[in-house]
Amino acid sequence: MPLYEYQCLDCGNRDERLAGLDDHTAVCLLCRGLMLRQDEDLFGRYFEGRGSKARSGAAALSLSS
């Protein structure tokens, strides 16, 4: 399961959690409020600078769909 960042709507607490692709909400451990998953890609740092092969493969996937 990938690691996603969540932010609480009530207290602003931020937390990273393991979650499934469709787990867009969570419960805040500090105030028990609703947390929403942030849309940033936490794996982007891993793939940066991996060479043109990885980027061209992603481009090919997006063109074929």
PDB file of N, CA and C in Angstrom:
ATOM      1  N   MET A   1       0.844  -1.185   0.000  1.00  0.00           N
ATOM      2  CA  MET A   1       0.000   0.000   0.000  1.00  0.00           C
ATOM      3  C   MET A   1       0.884   1.241   0.000  1.00  0.00           C
ATOM      4  N   PRO A   2       0.488   2.241  -0.747  1.00  0.00           N
ATOM      5  CA  PRO A   2       1.283   3.479  -0.791  1.00  0.00           C
ATOM      6  C   PRO A   2       1.063   4.364   0.435  1.00  0.00           C
ATOM      7  N   LEU A   3       1.986   5.264   0.623  1.00  0.00           N
ATOM      8  CA  LEU A   3       1.954   6.218   1.722  1.00  0.00           C
ATOM      9  C   LEU A   3       1.357   7.528   1.221  1.00  0.00           C
ATOM     10  N   TYR A   4       0.324   8.019   1.913  1.00  0.00           N
ATOM     11  CA  TYR A   4      -0.337   9.267   1.533  1.00  0.00           C
ATOM     12  C   TYR A   4      -0.306  10.246   2.695  1.00  0.00           C
ATOM     13  N   GLU A   5      -0.358  11.524   2.368  1.00  0.00           N
ATOM     14  CA  GLU A   5      -0.409  12.566   3.390  1.00  0.00           C
ATOM     15  C   GLU A   5      -1.849  13.043   3.543  1.00  0.00           C
ATOM     16  N   TYR A   6      -2.280  13.162   4.792  1.00  0.00           N
ATOM     17  CA  TYR A   6      -3.628  13.623   5.132  1.00  0.00           C
ATOM     18  C   TYR A   6      -3.525  14.893   5.961  1.00  0.00           C
ATOM     19  N   GLN A   7      -4.587  15.751   5.885  1.00  0.00           N
ATOM     20  CA  GLN A   7      -4.661  16.946   6.716  1.00  0.00           C
ATOM     21  C   GLN A   7      -6.052  17.055   7.302  1.00  0.00           C
ATOM     22  N   CYS A   8      -6.104  17.361   8.614  1.00  0.00           N
ATOM     23  CA  CYS A   8      -7.366  17.481   9.334  1.00  0.00           C
ATOM     24  C   CYS A   8      -8.059  18.793   8.983  1.00  0.00           C
ATOM     25  N   LEU A   9      -9.350  18.716   8.755  1.00  0.00           N
ATOM     26  CA  LEU A   9     -10.135  19.915   8.450  1.00  0.00           C
ATOM     27  C   LEU A   9     -10.373  20.773   9.689  1.00  0.00           C
ATOM     28  N   ASP A  10     -10.364  20.160  10.871  1.00  0.00           N
ATOM     29  CA  ASP A  10     -10.662  20.896  12.101  1.00  0.00           C
ATOM     30  C   ASP A  10      -9.429  21.536  12.735  1.00  0.00           C
ATOM     31  N   CYS A  11      -8.384  20.745  12.992  1.00  0.00           N
ATOM     32  CA  CYS A  11      -7.227  21.283  13.719  1.00  0.00           C
ATOM     33  C   CYS A  11      -6.005  21.525  12.831  1.00  0.00           C
ATOM     34  N   GLY A  12      -6.025  21.075  11.583  1.00  0.00           N
ATOM     35  CA  GLY A  12      -4.908  21.310  10.671  1.00  0.00           C
ATOM     36  C   GLY A  12      -3.770  20.304  10.805  1.00  0.00           C
ATOM     37  N   ASN A  13      -3.906  19.319  11.689  1.00  0.00           N
ATOM     38  CA  ASN A  13      -2.886  18.293  11.869  1.00  0.00           C
ATOM     39  C   ASN A  13      -2.609  17.584  10.538  1.00  0.00           C
ATOM     40  N   ARG A  14      -1.317  17.345  10.268  1.00  0.00           N
ATOM     41  CA  ARG A  14      -0.920  16.622   9.055  1.00  0.00           C
ATOM     42  C   ARG A  14      -0.304  15.299   9.476  1.00  0.00           C
ATOM     43  N   ASP A  15      -0.578  14.248   8.687  1.00  0.00           N
ATOM     44  CA  ASP A  15      -0.117  12.922   9.038  1.00  0.00           C
ATOM     45  C   ASP A  15       0.076  12.109   7.764  1.00  0.00           C
ATOM     46  N   GLU A  16       1.096  11.249   7.746  1.00  0.00           N
ATOM     47  CA  GLU A  16       1.295  10.331   6.629  1.00  0.00           C
ATOM     48  C   GLU A  16       0.807   8.957   7.053  1.00  0.00           C
ATOM     49  N   ARG A  17       0.028   8.310   6.164  1.00  0.00           N
ATOM     50  CA  ARG A  17      -0.538   7.008   6.490  1.00  0.00           C
ATOM     51  C   ARG A  17      -0.511   6.089   5.284  1.00  0.00           C
ATOM     52  N   LEU A  18      -0.437   4.799   5.563  1.00  0.00           N
ATOM     53  CA  LEU A  18      -0.593   3.805   4.515  1.00  0.00           C
ATOM     54  C   LEU A  18      -2.077   3.708   4.205  1.00  0.00           C
ATOM     55  N   ALA A  19      -2.420   3.703   2.926  1.00  0.00           N
ATOM     56  CA  ALA A  19      -3.830   3.675   2.558  1.00  0.00           C
ATOM     57  C   ALA A  19      -3.997   3.067   1.177  1.00  0.00           C
ATOM     58  N   GLY A  20      -5.205   2.609   0.922  1.00  0.00           N
ATOM     59  CA  GLY A  20      -5.553   2.119  -0.400  1.00  0.00           C
ATOM     60  C   GLY A  20      -5.817   3.279  -1.338  1.00  0.00           C
ATOM     61  N   LEU A  21      -5.954   2.984  -2.605  1.00  0.00           N
ATOM     62  CA  LEU A  21      -6.157   4.032  -3.600  1.00  0.00           C
ATOM     63  C   LEU A  21      -7.452   4.806  -3.396  1.00  0.00           C
ATOM     64  N   ASP A  22      -8.457   4.183  -2.812  1.00  0.00           N
ATOM     65  CA  ASP A  22      -9.746   4.851  -2.640  1.00  0.00           C
ATOM     66  C   ASP A  22      -9.995   5.346  -1.217  1.00  0.00           C
ATOM     67  N   ASP A  23      -8.990   5.352  -0.358  1.00  0.00           N
ATOM     68  CA  ASP A  23      -9.113   5.848   1.012  1.00  0.00           C
ATOM     69  C   ASP A  23      -8.810   7.342   1.042  1.00  0.00           C
ATOM     70  N   HIS A  24      -9.818   8.161   0.753  1.00  0.00           N
ATOM     71  CA  HIS A  24      -9.617   9.606   0.644  1.00  0.00           C
ATOM     72  C   HIS A  24      -9.833  10.348   1.959  1.00  0.00           C
ATOM     73  N   THR A  25     -10.383   9.656   2.970  1.00  0.00           N
ATOM     74  CA  THR A  25     -10.612  10.292   4.263  1.00  0.00           C
ATOM     75  C   THR A  25     -10.056   9.400   5.378  1.00  0.00           C
ATOM     76  N   ALA A  26      -9.800  10.017   6.531  1.00  0.00           N
ATOM     77  CA  ALA A  26      -9.323   9.313   7.717  1.00  0.00           C
ATOM     78  C   ALA A  26      -9.784  10.102   8.939  1.00  0.00           C
ATOM     79  N   VAL A  27      -9.579   9.538  10.127  1.00  0.00           N
ATOM     80  CA  VAL A  27      -9.929  10.204  11.380  1.00  0.00           C
ATOM     81  C   VAL A  27      -8.649  10.738  12.023  1.00  0.00           C
ATOM     82  N   CYS A  28      -8.674  12.002  12.427  1.00  0.00           N
ATOM     83  CA  CYS A  28      -7.529  12.641  13.070  1.00  0.00           C
ATOM     84  C   CYS A  28      -7.298  12.031  14.448  1.00  0.00           C
ATOM     85  N   LEU A  29      -6.047  11.699  14.730  1.00  0.00           N
ATOM     86  CA  LEU A  29      -5.709  11.107  16.020  1.00  0.00           C
ATOM     87  C   LEU A  29      -5.686  12.136  17.146  1.00  0.00           C
ATOM     88  N   LEU A  30      -5.584  13.435  16.818  1.00  0.00           N
ATOM     89  CA  LEU A  30      -5.540  14.481  17.846  1.00  0.00           C
ATOM     90  C   LEU A  30      -6.918  14.954  18.281  1.00  0.00           C
ATOM     91  N   CYS A  31      -7.787  15.253  17.307  1.00  0.00           N
ATOM     92  CA  CYS A  31      -9.087  15.841  17.658  1.00  0.00           C
ATOM     93  C   CYS A  31     -10.283  14.999  17.209  1.00  0.00           C
ATOM     94  N   ARG A  32     -10.013  13.866  16.558  1.00  0.00           N
ATOM     95  CA  ARG A  32     -11.054  12.956  16.050  1.00  0.00           C
ATOM     96  C   ARG A  32     -11.862  13.580  14.914  1.00  0.00           C
ATOM     97  N   GLY A  33     -11.330  14.637  14.290  1.00  0.00           N
ATOM     98  CA  GLY A  33     -11.991  15.276  13.155  1.00  0.00           C
ATOM     99  C   GLY A  33     -11.718  14.528  11.858  1.00  0.00           C
ATOM    100  N   LEU A  34     -12.290  15.011  10.792  1.00  0.00           N
ATOM    101  CA  LEU A  34     -12.157  14.415   9.468  1.00  0.00           C
ATOM    102  C   LEU A  34     -10.866  14.886   8.803  1.00  0.00           C
ATOM    103  N   MET A  35     -10.077  13.939   8.307  1.00  0.00           N
ATOM    104  CA  MET A  35      -8.854  14.252   7.573  1.00  0.00           C
ATOM    105  C   MET A  35      -9.065  13.913   6.108  1.00  0.00           C
ATOM    106  N   LEU A  36      -8.576  14.787   5.237  1.00  0.00           N
ATOM    107  CA  LEU A  36      -8.654  14.551   3.798  1.00  0.00           C
ATOM    108  C   LEU A  36      -7.271  14.267   3.255  1.00  0.00           C
ATOM    109  N   ARG A  37      -7.212  13.331   2.309  1.00  0.00           N
ATOM    110  CA  ARG A  37      -5.927  13.010   1.682  1.00  0.00           C
ATOM    111  C   ARG A  37      -5.519  14.148   0.762  1.00  0.00           C
ATOM    112  N   GLN A  38      -4.260  14.528   0.844  1.00  0.00           N
ATOM    113  CA  GLN A  38      -3.714  15.584  -0.001  1.00  0.00           C
ATOM    114  C   GLN A  38      -3.381  14.986  -1.366  1.00  0.00           C
ATOM    115  N   ASP A  39      -3.462  15.787  -2.410  1.00  0.00           N
ATOM    116  CA  ASP A  39      -3.290  15.279  -3.772  1.00  0.00           C
ATOM    117  C   ASP A  39      -1.852  15.225  -4.243  1.00  0.00           C
ATOM    118  N   GLU A  40      -0.903  15.617  -3.417  1.00  0.00           N
ATOM    119  CA  GLU A  40       0.478  15.595  -3.871  1.00  0.00           C
ATOM    120  C   GLU A  40       0.973  14.155  -4.005  1.00  0.00           C
ATOM    121  N   ASP A  41       1.888  13.948  -4.917  1.00  0.00           N
ATOM    122  CA  ASP A  41       2.448  12.636  -5.175  1.00  0.00           C
ATOM    123  C   ASP A  41       3.693  12.441  -4.314  1.00  0.00           C
ATOM    124  N   LEU A  42       3.594  11.621  -3.280  1.00  0.00           N
ATOM    125  CA  LEU A  42       4.718  11.403  -2.381  1.00  0.00           C
ATOM    126  C   LEU A  42       5.816  10.558  -3.011  1.00  0.00           C
ATOM    127  N   PHE A  43       5.506   9.860  -4.101  1.00  0.00           N
ATOM    128  CA  PHE A  43       6.503   9.033  -4.769  1.00  0.00           C
ATOM    129  C   PHE A  43       7.231   9.791  -5.862  1.00  0.00           C
ATOM    130  N   GLY A  44       6.849  11.018  -6.145  1.00  0.00           N
ATOM    131  CA  GLY A  44       7.487  11.805  -7.192  1.00  0.00           C
ATOM    132  C   GLY A  44       8.980  11.965  -6.984  1.00  0.00           C
ATOM    133  N   ARG A  45       9.396  12.124  -5.719  1.00  0.00           N
ATOM    134  CA  ARG A  45      10.822  12.270  -5.415  1.00  0.00           C
ATOM    135  C   ARG A  45      11.596  11.028  -5.829  1.00  0.00           C
ATOM    136  N   TYR A  46      10.991   9.863  -5.696  1.00  0.00           N
ATOM    137  CA  TYR A  46      11.660   8.613  -6.030  1.00  0.00           C
ATOM    138  C   TYR A  46      11.932   8.517  -7.525  1.00  0.00           C
ATOM    139  N   PHE A  47      10.978   8.960  -8.351  1.00  0.00           N
ATOM    140  CA  PHE A  47      11.097   8.799  -9.792  1.00  0.00           C
ATOM    141  C   PHE A  47      11.836   9.940 -10.486  1.00  0.00           C
ATOM    142  N   GLU A  48      12.079  11.055  -9.802  1.00  0.00           N
ATOM    143  CA  GLU A  48      12.804  12.165 -10.415  1.00  0.00           C
ATOM    144  C   GLU A  48      14.226  11.750 -10.724  1.00  0.00           C
ATOM    145  N   GLY A  49      14.684  12.075 -11.924  1.00  0.00           N
ATOM    146  CA  GLY A  49      16.051  11.802 -12.304  1.00  0.00           C
ATOM    147  C   GLY A  49      16.364  10.340 -12.538  1.00  0.00           C
ATOM    148  N   ARG A  50      15.355   9.523 -12.798  1.00  0.00           N
ATOM    149  CA  ARG A  50      15.571   8.101 -13.011  1.00  0.00           C
ATOM    150  C   ARG A  50      15.934   7.792 -14.464  1.00  0.00           C
ATOM    151  N   GLY A  51      16.038   8.828 -15.294  1.00  0.00           N
ATOM    152  CA  GLY A  51      16.394   8.606 -16.689  1.00  0.00           C
ATOM    153  C   GLY A  51      15.195   8.744 -17.600  1.00  0.00           C
ATOM    154  N   SER A  52      15.459   8.872 -18.880  1.00  0.00           N
ATOM    155  CA  SER A  52      14.388   9.101 -19.840  1.00  0.00           C
ATOM    156  C   SER A  52      13.550   7.855 -20.069  1.00  0.00           C
ATOM    157  N   LYS A  53      14.078   6.667 -19.778  1.00  0.00           N
ATOM    158  CA  LYS A  53      13.337   5.431 -19.994  1.00  0.00           C
ATOM    159  C   LYS A  53      12.056   5.419 -19.155  1.00  0.00           C
ATOM    160  N   ALA A  54      12.143   5.811 -17.878  1.00  0.00           N
ATOM    161  CA  ALA A  54      10.975   5.827 -17.000  1.00  0.00           C
ATOM    162  C   ALA A  54       9.964   6.863 -17.467  1.00  0.00           C
ATOM    163  N   ARG A  55      10.443   8.035 -17.869  1.00  0.00           N
ATOM    164  CA  ARG A  55       9.528   9.076 -18.324  1.00  0.00           C
ATOM    165  C   ARG A  55       8.865   8.695 -19.632  1.00  0.00           C
ATOM    166  N   SER A  56       9.597   8.116 -20.578  1.00  0.00           N
ATOM    167  CA  SER A  56       9.001   7.769 -21.864  1.00  0.00           C
ATOM    168  C   SER A  56       7.989   6.644 -21.694  1.00  0.00           C
ATOM    169  N   GLY A  57       8.218   5.739 -20.737  1.00  0.00           N
ATOM    170  CA  GLY A  57       7.244   4.683 -20.473  1.00  0.00           C
ATOM    171  C   GLY A  57       5.948   5.253 -19.940  1.00  0.00           C
ATOM    172  N   ALA A  58       6.027   6.228 -19.039  1.00  0.00           N
ATOM    173  CA  ALA A  58       4.829   6.875 -18.507  1.00  0.00           C
ATOM    174  C   ALA A  58       4.115   7.645 -19.601  1.00  0.00           C
ATOM    175  N   ALA A  59       4.862   8.295 -20.482  1.00  0.00           N
ATOM    176  CA  ALA A  59       4.250   9.029 -21.590  1.00  0.00           C
ATOM    177  C   ALA A  59       3.540   8.072 -22.538  1.00  0.00           C
ATOM    178  N   ALA A  60       4.145   6.924 -22.789  1.00  0.00           N
ATOM    179  CA  ALA A  60       3.537   5.942 -23.680  1.00  0.00           C
ATOM    180  C   ALA A  60       2.229   5.423 -23.081  1.00  0.00           C
ATOM    181  N   LEU A  61       2.204   5.216 -21.759  1.00  0.00           N
ATOM    182  CA  LEU A  61       0.981   4.769 -21.109  1.00  0.00           C
ATOM    183  C   LEU A  61      -0.119   5.795 -21.228  1.00  0.00           C
ATOM    184  N   SER A  62       0.208   7.075 -21.028  1.00  0.00           N
ATOM    185  CA  SER A  62      -0.816   8.104 -21.083  1.00  0.00           C
ATOM    186  C   SER A  62      -1.324   8.306 -22.507  1.00  0.00           C
ATOM    187  N   LEU A  63      -0.495   8.074 -23.513  1.00  0.00           N
ATOM    188  CA  LEU A  63      -0.942   8.215 -24.898  1.00  0.00           C
ATOM    189  C   LEU A  63      -1.808   7.058 -25.339  1.00  0.00           C
ATOM    190  N   SER A  64      -1.598   5.876 -24.784  1.00  0.00           N
ATOM    191  CA  SER A  64      -2.356   4.702 -25.214  1.00  0.00           C
ATOM    192  C   SER A  64      -3.728   4.622 -24.591  1.00  0.00           C
ATOM    193  N   SER A  65      -3.983   5.374 -23.512  1.00  0.00           N
ATOM    194  CA  SER A  65      -5.296   5.265 -22.856  1.00  0.00           C
ATOM    195  C   SER A  65      -6.284   6.265 -23.357  1.00  0.00           C
TER     196      SER A  65
END
